[in-house]
Protein backbone atom coordinates (compact mmCIF):
# COMPACT_ATOMS: atom_id res chain seq x y z
CA MET A 1 -15.19 -29.82 -2.08
CA ASP A 2 -17.59 -27.55 -3.93
CA GLU A 3 -18.27 -26.03 -7.35
CA ASN A 4 -15.44 -23.49 -6.98
CA TYR A 5 -12.96 -26.27 -6.17
CA ILE A 6 -13.89 -28.18 -9.33
CA ILE A 7 -13.76 -25.08 -11.55
CA LYS A 8 -10.39 -24.08 -10.05
CA HIS A 9 -8.92 -27.46 -11.01
CA PHE A 10 -10.71 -27.70 -14.37
CA PRO A 11 -10.95 -24.10 -15.61
CA GLU A 12 -11.84 -25.39 -19.11
CA ILE A 13 -15.36 -25.80 -17.73
CA ASN A 14 -15.72 -22.07 -18.37
CA ASP A 15 -15.14 -22.69 -22.11
CA ILE A 16 -18.39 -24.67 -22.32
CA GLN A 17 -21.01 -22.35 -23.79
CA ASP A 18 -24.09 -24.24 -22.58
CA GLU A 19 -24.72 -23.29 -18.94
CA SER A 20 -26.63 -26.48 -18.12
CA LEU A 21 -23.77 -28.57 -19.51
CA ARG A 22 -21.21 -26.62 -17.44
CA THR A 23 -23.33 -27.25 -14.35
CA ALA A 24 -23.67 -30.97 -15.10
CA VAL A 25 -19.89 -31.34 -15.58
CA VAL A 26 -19.31 -29.84 -12.13
CA ARG A 27 -22.08 -31.96 -10.61
CA VAL A 28 -20.67 -35.23 -11.95
CA TRP A 29 -17.24 -34.51 -10.43
CA LEU A 30 -18.83 -33.60 -7.09
CA LEU A 31 -21.00 -36.73 -7.13
CA ALA A 32 -18.01 -38.94 -7.98
CA ALA A 33 -15.94 -37.41 -5.17
CA GLN A 34 -18.78 -37.85 -2.70
CA LYS A 35 -19.47 -41.48 -3.70
CA GLY A 36 -15.76 -42.30 -3.78
CA GLY A 37 -15.08 -40.64 -0.43
CA TRP A 38 -12.59 -38.12 -1.82
CA LYS A 39 -11.98 -34.87 0.08
CA THR A 40 -9.39 -33.69 -2.47
CA ILE A 41 -8.38 -34.95 -5.90
CA GLU A 42 -5.05 -33.20 -6.55
CA ASP A 43 -2.84 -36.22 -5.87
CA ILE A 44 -4.83 -38.94 -7.64
CA PRO A 45 -2.62 -40.51 -10.32
CA PHE A 46 -4.14 -40.63 -13.79
CA THR A 47 -3.30 -44.33 -14.07
CA LEU A 48 -2.21 -47.20 -11.86
CA LEU A 49 -0.92 -49.14 -14.88
CA VAL A 50 2.41 -47.31 -15.23
CA LYS A 51 4.59 -45.35 -12.86
CA THR A 52 3.95 -41.65 -13.43
CA GLU A 53 3.98 -38.36 -11.58
CA ARG A 54 1.11 -37.08 -13.73
CA THR A 55 -2.12 -36.66 -11.87
CA LEU A 56 -5.69 -37.31 -12.94
CA ILE A 57 -6.15 -33.53 -13.16
CA ASP A 58 -3.03 -33.17 -15.38
CA HIS A 59 -4.21 -35.95 -17.68
CA THR A 60 -7.79 -34.74 -17.86
CA ARG A 61 -6.74 -31.22 -18.77
CA THR A 62 -4.18 -32.46 -21.33
CA VAL A 63 -6.75 -34.68 -23.05
CA THR A 64 -9.25 -31.80 -23.06
CA HIS A 65 -6.72 -29.35 -24.52
CA MET A 66 -5.64 -31.77 -27.25
CA ALA A 67 -9.27 -32.50 -28.14
CA MET A 68 -10.14 -28.79 -28.21
CA ALA A 69 -7.24 -28.14 -30.60
CA ILE A 70 -8.55 -30.83 -32.94
CA ALA A 71 -12.14 -29.57 -32.69
CA GLN A 72 -11.01 -26.03 -33.56
CA LYS A 73 -9.69 -27.34 -36.88
CA ARG A 74 -12.91 -29.13 -37.83
CA ASP A 75 -16.43 -27.94 -38.48
CA ASP A 76 -18.14 -31.28 -37.83
CA LEU A 77 -17.51 -31.52 -34.06
CA ASP A 78 -19.57 -30.04 -31.24
CA MET A 79 -17.03 -28.08 -29.17
CA ASP A 80 -19.16 -28.14 -26.00
CA ILE A 81 -19.46 -31.93 -26.21
CA VAL A 82 -15.72 -32.27 -26.88
CA ILE A 83 -14.82 -30.09 -23.87
CA ALA A 84 -17.31 -31.76 -21.55
CA GLY A 85 -16.30 -35.23 -22.76
CA GLY A 86 -12.62 -34.48 -22.22
CA LEU A 87 -13.27 -33.14 -18.75
CA VAL A 88 -15.33 -36.11 -17.57
CA HIS A 89 -13.96 -39.07 -19.51
CA ASP A 90 -12.13 -40.41 -16.43
CA VAL A 91 -14.54 -39.24 -13.69
CA GLY A 92 -15.27 -42.90 -12.87
CA LYS A 93 -11.71 -43.26 -11.56
CA LEU A 94 -12.95 -41.63 -8.36
CA LEU A 95 -14.90 -44.87 -7.81
CA GLU A 96 -12.26 -47.18 -9.33
CA TYR A 97 -9.52 -45.92 -6.99
CA GLN A 98 -9.28 -45.45 -3.25
CA ARG A 99 -6.77 -44.07 -0.80
CA LYS A 100 -5.37 -46.84 1.41
CA GLY A 101 -2.87 -45.60 3.93
CA GLY A 102 -0.58 -43.25 2.06
CA THR A 103 -1.15 -44.75 -1.36
CA ILE A 104 -3.85 -44.93 -3.99
CA VAL A 105 -4.93 -48.38 -5.10
CA LYS A 106 -7.76 -50.02 -6.99
CA SER A 107 -10.90 -50.05 -4.84
CA ASP A 108 -13.18 -53.03 -4.27
CA HIS A 109 -15.62 -51.29 -6.62
CA GLY A 110 -12.82 -50.88 -9.17
CA GLN A 111 -12.02 -54.58 -8.97
CA LEU A 112 -15.53 -55.22 -10.30
CA ILE A 113 -16.36 -52.21 -12.48
CA ARG A 114 -13.92 -50.20 -14.58
CA HIS A 115 -14.11 -46.41 -14.72
CA PRO A 116 -15.78 -46.10 -18.15
CA VAL A 117 -18.78 -48.03 -16.83
CA SER A 118 -18.99 -46.33 -13.43
CA GLY A 119 -18.38 -42.94 -15.08
CA TYR A 120 -21.23 -43.58 -17.50
CA ALA A 121 -23.54 -44.38 -14.55
CA LEU A 122 -22.49 -41.17 -12.79
CA ALA A 123 -23.12 -39.17 -15.97
CA CYS A 124 -26.60 -40.62 -16.27
CA GLU A 125 -27.30 -39.85 -12.62
CA VAL A 126 -26.59 -36.13 -13.10
CA GLN A 127 -28.33 -36.15 -16.47
CA LEU A 128 -25.34 -35.28 -18.62
CA PRO A 129 -26.39 -35.45 -22.28
CA ALA A 130 -26.20 -38.90 -23.87
CA ALA A 131 -23.47 -37.60 -26.21
CA VAL A 132 -21.20 -36.93 -23.20
CA ALA A 133 -22.13 -40.13 -21.35
CA HIS A 134 -21.29 -42.00 -24.58
CA ILE A 135 -17.79 -40.48 -24.59
CA ILE A 136 -17.20 -41.73 -21.05
CA ALA A 137 -18.42 -45.24 -21.86
CA ALA A 138 -16.58 -45.45 -25.19
CA HIS A 139 -13.25 -43.74 -24.47
CA SER A 140 -11.36 -46.87 -23.44
CA THR A 141 -11.30 -50.52 -24.50
CA GLU A 142 -14.99 -50.84 -23.64
CA GLY A 143 -15.64 -48.60 -26.62
CA GLU A 144 -14.31 -51.17 -29.07
CA LYS A 145 -17.77 -52.75 -29.06
CA VAL A 146 -19.75 -49.64 -30.06
CA GLN A 147 -19.81 -47.13 -32.91
CA ARG A 148 -18.05 -44.11 -31.43
CA SER A 149 -19.35 -40.63 -32.20
CA ARG A 150 -16.92 -38.20 -33.84
CA GLU A 151 -16.36 -36.49 -30.49
CA ALA A 152 -15.78 -39.86 -28.79
CA ILE A 153 -13.19 -40.78 -31.44
CA VAL A 154 -11.28 -37.59 -30.64
CA ILE A 155 -11.35 -38.15 -26.86
CA HIS A 156 -10.41 -41.83 -27.27
CA HIS A 157 -7.32 -41.00 -29.33
CA CYS A 158 -6.26 -38.04 -27.18
CA ASP A 159 -6.59 -40.24 -24.08
CA PHE A 160 -4.38 -42.94 -25.56
CA ILE A 161 -1.83 -40.46 -26.90
CA ASP A 162 -1.36 -39.11 -23.37
CA PHE A 163 -1.26 -42.62 -21.88
CA ASP A 164 1.20 -43.95 -24.48
CA ILE A 165 3.56 -41.01 -23.90
CA ALA A 166 3.43 -41.62 -20.12
CA ARG A 167 4.09 -45.32 -20.69
CA SER A 168 7.12 -44.60 -22.89
CA THR A 169 8.99 -42.53 -20.28
């Protein structure tokens, strides 16, 4: 797995204007894959909570696209932060999940630390901006305890829209 692999699966990276932010988004995915022992990520489900055929890649791109559509209609959101936040909000799932036999299950790490926390740590390790790390930490229920930024509010709601639709089918 390399930079080209990540960009191929998340082409929205190219919509980020800031080159250093684009690089950091790629680096956090590569670091998560390396630490989680993933050779490929195409078949990772986006959730283990409901039965779904949607992958982590599908979900990540859907959340990013929904968030970008919202950001295009507002002048008080940083589009680069929205795109980067959408693309990395679930990166910690590469540590929360593991492949066991032919199936993907919660890892020992995931039993102890949920993906918003491990994703935040990964983001800090590659020096993603605090605004993006905040989105990772605050996008799920963990974020109920903090004041979410505008961009984090958008990612949080887009994430749950996609999850709730998957849960309803």
